[in-house]
């Protein structure tokens, strides 16, 4: 093998600066917003994943769910909250890392007075599609909209993206 890799054997590069990621306001019960910084629709990938941030407003939560075809990792950046994983409580503080294998039921609750913000990574990708389909486009710096409901077909959207079937209707906050 030569010291230099042939051009056709090199992967792509994408750098996404602050406030340049695609972003969506999220409906109740999470409220807040997400950003999708990296995903296959942004740059070709050999091993597709999606990476971004999620911000959950005080009093908000990400309802219980599982991913039957995906692994997920989180890294808490700001705020204070709690993860409930398969019924067990885990504190979420800045610097906390969480790995969730397939079919692990989990939810995230903001128990603080400020936003709870984390980096998320999901392999393979697909979570970015869910966020786009249930959210509303967001531009950094815009004020948060009034709380809005999840789409009526949210369970169908979940199954078309990265979610395991729900044991019950999860549309209620």
N, C-alpha and C. Protein backbone atom coordinates (compact mmCIF):
# COMPACT_ATOMS: atom_id res chain seq x y z
N UNK A 1 0.85 -1.18 0.00
CA UNK A 1 0.00 0.00 0.00
C UNK A 1 0.89 1.24 0.00
N UNK A 2 0.50 2.22 -0.76
CA UNK A 2 1.29 3.44 -0.85
C UNK A 2 1.00 4.33 0.35
N UNK A 3 1.89 5.31 0.55
CA UNK A 3 1.70 6.24 1.66
C UNK A 3 0.45 7.07 1.48
N UNK A 4 0.10 7.42 0.28
CA UNK A 4 -1.10 8.20 0.03
C UNK A 4 -2.22 7.29 -0.45
N UNK A 5 -3.40 7.51 0.09
CA UNK A 5 -4.56 6.74 -0.33
C UNK A 5 -5.07 7.32 -1.64
N UNK A 6 -5.44 6.42 -2.53
CA UNK A 6 -5.99 6.88 -3.81
C UNK A 6 -7.25 7.70 -3.56
N UNK A 7 -7.48 8.69 -4.39
CA UNK A 7 -8.62 9.58 -4.23
C UNK A 7 -9.94 8.81 -4.19
N UNK A 8 -10.08 7.79 -5.01
CA UNK A 8 -11.35 7.04 -5.05
C UNK A 8 -11.57 6.19 -3.80
N UNK A 9 -10.53 6.01 -2.97
CA UNK A 9 -10.65 5.23 -1.74
C UNK A 9 -10.88 6.11 -0.51
N UNK A 10 -11.02 7.40 -0.72
CA UNK A 10 -11.21 8.32 0.40
C UNK A 10 -12.69 8.67 0.53
N UNK A 11 -13.13 8.74 1.76
CA UNK A 11 -14.51 9.12 2.04
C UNK A 11 -14.73 10.62 1.94
N UNK A 12 -15.96 11.01 2.12
CA UNK A 12 -16.36 12.41 2.04
C UNK A 12 -16.08 13.15 3.33
N UNK A 13 -16.10 14.47 3.27
CA UNK A 13 -15.92 15.33 4.43
C UNK A 13 -17.06 16.35 4.44
N UNK A 14 -17.61 16.61 5.62
CA UNK A 14 -18.61 17.65 5.79
C UNK A 14 -18.37 18.29 7.15
N UNK A 15 -18.30 19.59 7.21
CA UNK A 15 -18.17 20.34 8.45
C UNK A 15 -19.40 21.23 8.56
N UNK A 16 -20.13 21.11 9.66
CA UNK A 16 -21.33 21.89 9.89
C UNK A 16 -21.07 22.82 11.06
N UNK A 17 -21.07 24.11 10.81
CA UNK A 17 -20.78 25.10 11.85
C UNK A 17 -21.95 25.35 12.78
N UNK A 18 -21.70 26.14 13.84
CA UNK A 18 -22.77 26.48 14.79
C UNK A 18 -23.97 27.11 14.08
N UNK A 19 -25.14 26.70 14.49
CA UNK A 19 -26.41 27.21 13.96
C UNK A 19 -26.60 26.95 12.47
N UNK A 20 -25.87 25.99 11.91
CA UNK A 20 -26.01 25.65 10.48
C UNK A 20 -26.69 24.31 10.26
N UNK A 21 -26.93 23.55 11.33
CA UNK A 21 -27.59 22.24 11.20
C UNK A 21 -29.08 22.45 10.90
N UNK A 22 -29.71 21.47 10.25
CA UNK A 22 -31.15 21.55 10.07
C UNK A 22 -31.78 21.40 11.45
N UNK A 23 -32.87 22.10 11.69
CA UNK A 23 -33.43 22.14 13.03
C UNK A 23 -34.95 22.17 12.96
N UNK A 24 -35.57 21.53 13.97
CA UNK A 24 -37.03 21.44 14.04
C UNK A 24 -37.52 21.64 15.47
N UNK A 25 -38.57 22.46 15.62
CA UNK A 25 -39.29 22.54 16.89
C UNK A 25 -39.99 21.21 17.09
N UNK A 26 -40.08 20.76 18.33
CA UNK A 26 -40.71 19.49 18.62
C UNK A 26 -42.03 19.68 19.36
N UNK A 27 -42.99 18.80 19.10
CA UNK A 27 -44.30 18.91 19.74
C UNK A 27 -44.27 18.43 21.19
N UNK A 28 -45.41 18.58 21.87
CA UNK A 28 -45.55 18.05 23.22
C UNK A 28 -45.42 16.53 23.15
N UNK A 29 -44.91 15.87 24.14
CA UNK A 29 -44.56 16.38 25.46
C UNK A 29 -43.11 16.88 25.58
N UNK A 30 -42.28 16.71 24.55
CA UNK A 30 -40.88 17.13 24.66
C UNK A 30 -40.74 18.65 24.58
N UNK A 31 -41.50 19.26 23.65
CA UNK A 31 -41.32 20.67 23.36
C UNK A 31 -39.86 20.88 22.96
N UNK A 32 -39.31 22.03 23.14
CA UNK A 32 -37.91 22.23 22.77
C UNK A 32 -37.66 22.04 21.28
N UNK A 33 -36.44 21.66 20.94
CA UNK A 33 -36.08 21.52 19.53
C UNK A 33 -34.95 20.51 19.35
N UNK A 34 -34.75 20.12 18.12
CA UNK A 34 -33.66 19.23 17.76
C UNK A 34 -32.87 19.85 16.63
N UNK A 35 -31.64 19.39 16.50
CA UNK A 35 -30.81 19.75 15.36
C UNK A 35 -30.24 18.46 14.79
N UNK A 36 -30.24 18.36 13.49
CA UNK A 36 -29.64 17.23 12.79
C UNK A 36 -28.39 17.78 12.11
N UNK A 37 -27.22 17.45 12.66
CA UNK A 37 -25.96 17.97 12.13
C UNK A 37 -25.41 17.09 11.01
N UNK A 38 -25.49 15.77 11.20
CA UNK A 38 -24.95 14.83 10.22
C UNK A 38 -25.94 13.71 9.96
N UNK A 39 -26.15 13.39 8.70
CA UNK A 39 -27.03 12.29 8.31
C UNK A 39 -26.73 11.96 6.84
N UNK A 40 -27.14 10.79 6.39
CA UNK A 40 -26.84 10.40 5.01
C UNK A 40 -27.40 11.34 3.94
N UNK A 41 -28.45 12.09 4.24
CA UNK A 41 -28.95 13.03 3.24
C UNK A 41 -28.09 14.30 3.19
N UNK A 42 -27.15 14.44 4.13
CA UNK A 42 -26.21 15.56 4.11
C UNK A 42 -24.90 15.20 3.41
N UNK A 43 -24.47 13.97 3.61
CA UNK A 43 -23.17 13.54 3.09
C UNK A 43 -23.19 12.02 2.89
N UNK A 44 -22.63 11.52 1.80
CA UNK A 44 -22.59 10.06 1.61
C UNK A 44 -21.81 9.38 2.74
N UNK A 45 -22.35 8.25 3.22
CA UNK A 45 -21.74 7.50 4.32
C UNK A 45 -21.68 6.02 3.98
N UNK A 46 -20.58 5.40 4.35
CA UNK A 46 -20.46 3.96 4.18
C UNK A 46 -21.26 3.21 5.23
N UNK A 47 -21.27 3.74 6.45
CA UNK A 47 -22.00 3.14 7.58
C UNK A 47 -22.99 4.19 8.09
N UNK A 48 -24.21 4.23 7.55
CA UNK A 48 -25.15 5.32 7.82
C UNK A 48 -25.50 5.50 9.30
N UNK A 49 -25.42 6.73 9.74
CA UNK A 49 -25.81 7.13 11.09
C UNK A 49 -26.38 8.53 11.00
N UNK A 50 -26.94 9.00 12.12
CA UNK A 50 -27.37 10.38 12.24
C UNK A 50 -26.90 10.89 13.59
N UNK A 51 -26.53 12.18 13.62
CA UNK A 51 -26.01 12.81 14.82
C UNK A 51 -26.58 14.20 14.93
N UNK A 52 -26.93 14.59 16.14
CA UNK A 52 -27.44 15.93 16.36
C UNK A 52 -27.58 16.23 17.83
N UNK A 53 -28.36 17.24 18.14
CA UNK A 53 -28.65 17.60 19.53
C UNK A 53 -30.15 17.62 19.72
N UNK A 54 -30.56 17.44 20.97
CA UNK A 54 -31.96 17.62 21.33
C UNK A 54 -31.99 18.47 22.58
N UNK A 55 -32.90 19.43 22.59
CA UNK A 55 -33.11 20.30 23.74
C UNK A 55 -34.54 20.12 24.19
N UNK A 56 -34.72 19.73 25.46
CA UNK A 56 -36.05 19.52 26.03
C UNK A 56 -36.30 20.63 27.04
N UNK A 57 -37.41 21.32 26.89
CA UNK A 57 -37.76 22.44 27.76
C UNK A 57 -38.03 21.97 29.19
N UNK A 58 -37.89 22.88 30.17
CA UNK A 58 -38.23 22.51 31.55
C UNK A 58 -39.64 21.94 31.64
N UNK A 59 -39.78 20.85 32.36
CA UNK A 59 -41.08 20.19 32.50
C UNK A 59 -41.42 19.27 31.34
N UNK A 60 -40.62 19.27 30.27
CA UNK A 60 -40.89 18.42 29.13
C UNK A 60 -40.26 17.05 29.29
N UNK A 61 -40.66 16.13 28.43
CA UNK A 61 -40.05 14.81 28.44
C UNK A 61 -40.17 14.16 27.06
N UNK A 62 -39.27 13.24 26.81
CA UNK A 62 -39.35 12.38 25.63
C UNK A 62 -40.05 11.12 26.11
N UNK A 63 -41.22 10.84 25.57
CA UNK A 63 -42.04 9.74 26.08
C UNK A 63 -41.33 8.39 25.87
N UNK A 64 -41.78 7.41 26.63
CA UNK A 64 -41.14 6.09 26.59
C UNK A 64 -41.26 5.48 25.19
N UNK A 65 -40.14 4.90 24.75
CA UNK A 65 -40.10 4.27 23.43
C UNK A 65 -38.91 3.32 23.37
N UNK A 66 -38.80 2.60 22.27
CA UNK A 66 -37.66 1.71 22.01
C UNK A 66 -37.38 1.74 20.51
N UNK A 67 -36.18 1.34 20.16
CA UNK A 67 -35.77 1.22 18.76
C UNK A 67 -35.45 -0.25 18.51
N UNK A 68 -36.19 -0.90 17.60
CA UNK A 68 -35.98 -2.33 17.39
C UNK A 68 -34.90 -2.64 16.36
N UNK A 69 -34.42 -1.64 15.64
CA UNK A 69 -33.40 -1.87 14.61
C UNK A 69 -32.19 -0.96 14.77
N UNK A 70 -32.12 -0.21 15.88
CA UNK A 70 -31.09 0.81 16.02
C UNK A 70 -30.44 0.78 17.39
N UNK A 71 -29.20 1.26 17.43
CA UNK A 71 -28.51 1.53 18.68
C UNK A 71 -28.38 3.04 18.80
N UNK A 72 -28.46 3.54 20.04
CA UNK A 72 -28.47 4.98 20.27
C UNK A 72 -27.50 5.33 21.38
N UNK A 73 -26.86 6.47 21.24
CA UNK A 73 -25.98 6.98 22.30
C UNK A 73 -26.33 8.44 22.54
N UNK A 74 -26.22 8.85 23.80
CA UNK A 74 -26.48 10.24 24.20
C UNK A 74 -25.32 10.73 25.04
N UNK A 75 -25.07 12.03 24.98
CA UNK A 75 -24.09 12.67 25.85
C UNK A 75 -24.72 13.96 26.34
N UNK A 76 -24.92 14.08 27.65
CA UNK A 76 -25.61 15.23 28.22
C UNK A 76 -24.68 16.44 28.26
N UNK A 77 -25.17 17.55 27.70
CA UNK A 77 -24.39 18.79 27.65
C UNK A 77 -24.79 19.79 28.72
N UNK A 78 -26.10 19.95 28.93
CA UNK A 78 -26.61 20.99 29.84
C UNK A 78 -27.86 20.49 30.54
N UNK A 79 -28.11 21.05 31.72
CA UNK A 79 -29.36 20.81 32.42
C UNK A 79 -29.29 19.64 33.38
N UNK A 80 -30.48 19.27 33.86
CA UNK A 80 -30.60 18.20 34.84
C UNK A 80 -31.89 17.45 34.57
N UNK A 81 -31.80 16.13 34.60
CA UNK A 81 -32.99 15.34 34.36
C UNK A 81 -32.79 13.90 34.76
N UNK A 82 -33.62 13.07 34.16
CA UNK A 82 -33.62 11.65 34.51
C UNK A 82 -33.94 10.83 33.28
N UNK A 83 -33.22 9.73 33.14
CA UNK A 83 -33.54 8.72 32.13
C UNK A 83 -34.21 7.56 32.85
N UNK A 84 -35.26 7.04 32.26
CA UNK A 84 -35.89 5.82 32.76
C UNK A 84 -35.66 4.77 31.68
N UNK A 85 -34.83 3.78 32.00
CA UNK A 85 -34.45 2.74 31.04
C UNK A 85 -34.94 1.40 31.58
N UNK A 86 -35.84 0.79 30.84
CA UNK A 86 -36.46 -0.47 31.27
C UNK A 86 -36.94 -0.37 32.72
N UNK A 87 -37.54 0.78 33.07
CA UNK A 87 -38.12 0.99 34.38
C UNK A 87 -37.15 1.45 35.46
N UNK A 88 -35.88 1.54 35.16
CA UNK A 88 -34.87 1.95 36.14
C UNK A 88 -34.46 3.40 35.92
N UNK A 89 -34.41 4.18 37.01
CA UNK A 89 -34.07 5.60 36.94
C UNK A 89 -32.56 5.81 36.94
N UNK A 90 -32.12 6.76 36.10
CA UNK A 90 -30.71 7.14 36.01
C UNK A 90 -30.63 8.66 35.92
N UNK A 91 -29.84 9.32 36.80
CA UNK A 91 -29.73 10.78 36.71
C UNK A 91 -29.02 11.21 35.43
N UNK A 92 -29.47 12.34 34.88
CA UNK A 92 -28.85 12.93 33.70
C UNK A 92 -28.28 14.29 34.10
N UNK A 93 -26.97 14.40 34.08
CA UNK A 93 -26.25 15.63 34.40
C UNK A 93 -25.21 15.86 33.31
N UNK A 94 -24.73 17.09 33.15
CA UNK A 94 -23.69 17.32 32.15
C UNK A 94 -22.53 16.34 32.32
N UNK A 95 -22.11 15.74 31.22
CA UNK A 95 -21.03 14.76 31.23
C UNK A 95 -21.50 13.32 31.31
N UNK A 96 -22.81 13.09 31.48
CA UNK A 96 -23.35 11.73 31.51
C UNK A 96 -23.44 11.19 30.09
N UNK A 97 -22.96 9.96 29.89
CA UNK A 97 -23.07 9.26 28.60
C UNK A 97 -24.02 8.08 28.78
N UNK A 98 -24.86 7.85 27.77
CA UNK A 98 -25.83 6.75 27.82
C UNK A 98 -25.74 5.99 26.50
N UNK A 99 -25.68 4.66 26.59
CA UNK A 99 -25.76 3.80 25.41
C UNK A 99 -27.02 2.97 25.55
N UNK A 100 -27.80 2.88 24.47
CA UNK A 100 -29.04 2.10 24.46
C UNK A 100 -29.00 1.12 23.30
N UNK A 101 -28.93 -0.15 23.62
CA UNK A 101 -28.99 -1.19 22.61
C UNK A 101 -30.42 -1.35 22.10
N UNK A 102 -30.57 -2.17 21.09
CA UNK A 102 -31.89 -2.41 20.50
C UNK A 102 -32.89 -2.88 21.55
N UNK A 103 -34.14 -2.46 21.38
CA UNK A 103 -35.28 -2.91 22.18
C UNK A 103 -35.16 -2.59 23.67
N UNK A 104 -34.44 -1.54 24.02
CA UNK A 104 -34.39 -1.05 25.40
C UNK A 104 -35.38 0.10 25.52
N UNK A 105 -36.44 -0.09 26.31
CA UNK A 105 -37.45 0.97 26.50
C UNK A 105 -36.82 2.08 27.32
N UNK A 106 -36.99 3.31 26.85
CA UNK A 106 -36.37 4.44 27.53
C UNK A 106 -37.18 5.71 27.35
N UNK A 107 -37.00 6.62 28.30
CA UNK A 107 -37.58 7.96 28.22
C UNK A 107 -36.63 8.91 28.94
N UNK A 108 -36.76 10.20 28.60
CA UNK A 108 -35.90 11.23 29.19
C UNK A 108 -36.79 12.34 29.71
N UNK A 109 -36.54 12.77 30.95
CA UNK A 109 -37.39 13.75 31.62
C UNK A 109 -36.53 14.92 32.07
N UNK A 110 -36.95 16.13 31.71
CA UNK A 110 -36.25 17.33 32.19
C UNK A 110 -36.84 17.68 33.55
N UNK A 111 -36.05 17.52 34.61
CA UNK A 111 -36.50 17.81 35.96
C UNK A 111 -35.95 19.13 36.49
N UNK A 112 -35.29 19.89 35.63
CA UNK A 112 -34.69 21.14 36.05
C UNK A 112 -35.50 22.35 35.64
N UNK A 113 -34.95 23.53 35.98
CA UNK A 113 -35.58 24.80 35.63
C UNK A 113 -35.03 25.39 34.34
N UNK A 114 -34.06 24.69 33.73
CA UNK A 114 -33.46 25.15 32.48
C UNK A 114 -33.57 24.03 31.46
N UNK A 115 -33.22 24.33 30.22
CA UNK A 115 -33.25 23.32 29.17
C UNK A 115 -32.34 22.15 29.51
N UNK A 116 -32.76 20.95 29.13
CA UNK A 116 -31.93 19.75 29.18
C UNK A 116 -31.48 19.49 27.75
N UNK A 117 -30.17 19.48 27.51
CA UNK A 117 -29.66 19.37 26.15
C UNK A 117 -28.64 18.25 26.06
N UNK A 118 -28.75 17.44 25.00
CA UNK A 118 -27.80 16.36 24.79
C UNK A 118 -27.45 16.20 23.31
N UNK A 119 -26.33 15.54 23.08
CA UNK A 119 -25.94 15.09 21.75
C UNK A 119 -26.50 13.69 21.59
N UNK A 120 -27.08 13.38 20.43
CA UNK A 120 -27.57 12.02 20.15
C UNK A 120 -26.90 11.49 18.89
N UNK A 121 -26.72 10.18 18.90
CA UNK A 121 -26.17 9.45 17.76
C UNK A 121 -27.00 8.19 17.61
N UNK A 122 -27.47 7.91 16.41
CA UNK A 122 -28.25 6.70 16.18
C UNK A 122 -27.70 5.98 14.95
N UNK A 123 -27.55 4.65 15.12
CA UNK A 123 -27.00 3.80 14.05
C UNK A 123 -27.91 2.59 13.90
N UNK A 124 -28.38 2.28 12.70
CA UNK A 124 -28.35 3.11 11.52
C UNK A 124 -29.24 4.33 11.70
N UNK A 125 -29.15 5.23 10.76
CA UNK A 125 -29.90 6.48 10.84
C UNK A 125 -31.40 6.25 10.69
N UNK A 126 -32.15 7.33 10.76
CA UNK A 126 -33.60 7.30 10.60
C UNK A 126 -34.31 8.21 11.58
N UNK A 127 -33.69 8.47 12.74
CA UNK A 127 -34.30 9.34 13.73
C UNK A 127 -34.50 10.75 13.18
N UNK A 128 -33.59 11.19 12.31
CA UNK A 128 -33.71 12.52 11.71
C UNK A 128 -35.00 12.63 10.89
N UNK A 129 -35.42 11.54 10.26
CA UNK A 129 -36.67 11.56 9.49
C UNK A 129 -37.88 11.73 10.41
N UNK A 130 -37.86 11.04 11.54
CA UNK A 130 -38.94 11.17 12.52
C UNK A 130 -39.05 12.62 12.99
N UNK A 131 -37.92 13.22 13.39
CA UNK A 131 -37.93 14.60 13.87
C UNK A 131 -38.50 15.55 12.82
N UNK A 132 -38.12 15.36 11.57
CA UNK A 132 -38.61 16.22 10.49
C UNK A 132 -40.12 16.05 10.30
N UNK A 133 -40.60 14.80 10.36
CA UNK A 133 -42.00 14.52 10.08
C UNK A 133 -42.94 14.96 11.20
N UNK A 134 -42.47 15.01 12.43
CA UNK A 134 -43.36 15.44 13.52
C UNK A 134 -43.13 16.90 13.92
N UNK A 135 -42.00 17.49 13.50
CA UNK A 135 -41.64 18.83 13.94
C UNK A 135 -42.04 19.91 12.97
N UNK A 136 -41.62 21.12 13.34
CA UNK A 136 -41.81 22.30 12.51
C UNK A 136 -40.45 22.93 12.28
N UNK A 137 -40.16 23.38 11.06
CA UNK A 137 -38.85 23.97 10.78
C UNK A 137 -38.50 25.09 11.76
N UNK A 138 -37.25 25.13 12.16
CA UNK A 138 -36.76 26.10 13.13
C UNK A 138 -35.53 26.81 12.58
N UNK A 139 -35.43 28.08 12.84
CA UNK A 139 -34.23 28.85 12.54
C UNK A 139 -33.63 29.28 13.87
N UNK A 140 -32.33 29.08 14.05
CA UNK A 140 -31.66 29.45 15.30
C UNK A 140 -31.97 30.90 15.64
N UNK A 141 -32.28 31.13 16.91
CA UNK A 141 -32.57 32.48 17.38
C UNK A 141 -34.04 32.84 17.37
N UNK A 142 -34.86 32.09 16.64
CA UNK A 142 -36.29 32.37 16.63
C UNK A 142 -36.90 32.01 17.98
N UNK A 143 -37.92 32.77 18.42
CA UNK A 143 -38.58 32.42 19.68
C UNK A 143 -39.35 31.10 19.52
N UNK A 144 -39.46 30.38 20.62
CA UNK A 144 -40.19 29.11 20.60
C UNK A 144 -41.66 29.34 20.29
N UNK A 145 -42.26 28.48 19.48
CA UNK A 145 -43.70 28.61 19.21
C UNK A 145 -44.51 28.14 20.41
N UNK A 146 -45.81 28.43 20.36
CA UNK A 146 -46.71 27.85 21.36
C UNK A 146 -46.60 26.34 21.26
N UNK A 147 -46.80 25.65 22.39
CA UNK A 147 -46.77 24.19 22.35
C UNK A 147 -47.77 23.70 21.31
N UNK A 148 -47.38 22.65 20.58
CA UNK A 148 -48.26 22.10 19.57
C UNK A 148 -48.29 20.58 19.70
N UNK A 149 -49.41 19.96 19.28
CA UNK A 149 -49.56 18.52 19.45
C UNK A 149 -48.76 17.72 18.43
N UNK A 150 -48.55 16.47 18.79
CA UNK A 150 -47.95 15.52 17.84
C UNK A 150 -48.96 15.26 16.73
N UNK A 151 -48.50 14.89 15.54
CA UNK A 151 -49.44 14.59 14.46
C UNK A 151 -50.35 13.41 14.83
N UNK A 152 -51.55 13.42 14.30
CA UNK A 152 -52.49 12.32 14.57
C UNK A 152 -51.93 10.97 14.13
N UNK A 153 -51.11 10.96 13.07
CA UNK A 153 -50.55 9.70 12.56
C UNK A 153 -49.16 9.41 13.12
N UNK A 154 -48.87 9.89 14.33
CA UNK A 154 -47.53 9.75 14.91
C UNK A 154 -47.12 8.28 15.04
N UNK A 155 -48.05 7.39 15.35
CA UNK A 155 -47.68 5.98 15.50
C UNK A 155 -47.24 5.39 14.16
N UNK A 156 -47.89 5.80 13.08
CA UNK A 156 -47.49 5.36 11.74
C UNK A 156 -46.11 5.93 11.38
N UNK A 157 -45.89 7.20 11.71
CA UNK A 157 -44.58 7.82 11.46
C UNK A 157 -43.49 7.09 12.23
N UNK A 158 -43.77 6.73 13.47
CA UNK A 158 -42.79 6.00 14.28
C UNK A 158 -42.40 4.69 13.60
N UNK A 159 -43.36 3.92 13.18
CA UNK A 159 -43.07 2.61 12.57
C UNK A 159 -42.35 2.75 11.24
N UNK A 160 -42.57 3.85 10.53
CA UNK A 160 -41.89 4.07 9.25
C UNK A 160 -40.46 4.55 9.45
N UNK A 161 -40.11 4.93 10.67
CA UNK A 161 -38.76 5.44 10.91
C UNK A 161 -37.99 4.46 11.78
N UNK A 162 -37.74 4.77 13.04
CA UNK A 162 -36.81 3.96 13.83
C UNK A 162 -37.40 3.43 15.14
N UNK A 163 -38.71 3.37 15.25
CA UNK A 163 -39.30 3.01 16.53
C UNK A 163 -39.92 1.64 16.53
N UNK A 164 -39.78 0.94 17.65
CA UNK A 164 -40.46 -0.33 17.87
C UNK A 164 -41.93 -0.03 18.11
N UNK A 165 -42.78 -1.01 17.89
CA UNK A 165 -44.22 -0.84 18.13
C UNK A 165 -44.45 -0.47 19.59
N UNK A 166 -45.40 0.44 19.79
CA UNK A 166 -45.74 0.87 21.14
C UNK A 166 -46.69 -0.13 21.80
N UNK A 167 -46.53 -0.36 23.11
CA UNK A 167 -47.46 -1.26 23.78
C UNK A 167 -48.84 -0.62 23.95
N UNK A 168 -48.92 0.71 23.84
CA UNK A 168 -50.19 1.43 23.94
C UNK A 168 -50.07 2.75 23.19
N UNK A 169 -51.17 3.45 23.02
CA UNK A 169 -51.18 4.73 22.32
C UNK A 169 -50.39 5.75 23.14
N UNK A 170 -49.29 6.25 22.60
CA UNK A 170 -48.41 7.18 23.32
C UNK A 170 -48.61 8.63 22.89
N UNK A 171 -49.70 8.95 22.21
CA UNK A 171 -49.88 10.32 21.73
C UNK A 171 -50.22 11.29 22.83
N UNK A 172 -50.72 10.80 23.95
CA UNK A 172 -51.10 11.69 25.04
C UNK A 172 -49.85 12.06 25.84
N UNK A 173 -49.79 13.33 26.30
CA UNK A 173 -48.60 13.76 27.06
C UNK A 173 -48.41 12.99 28.35
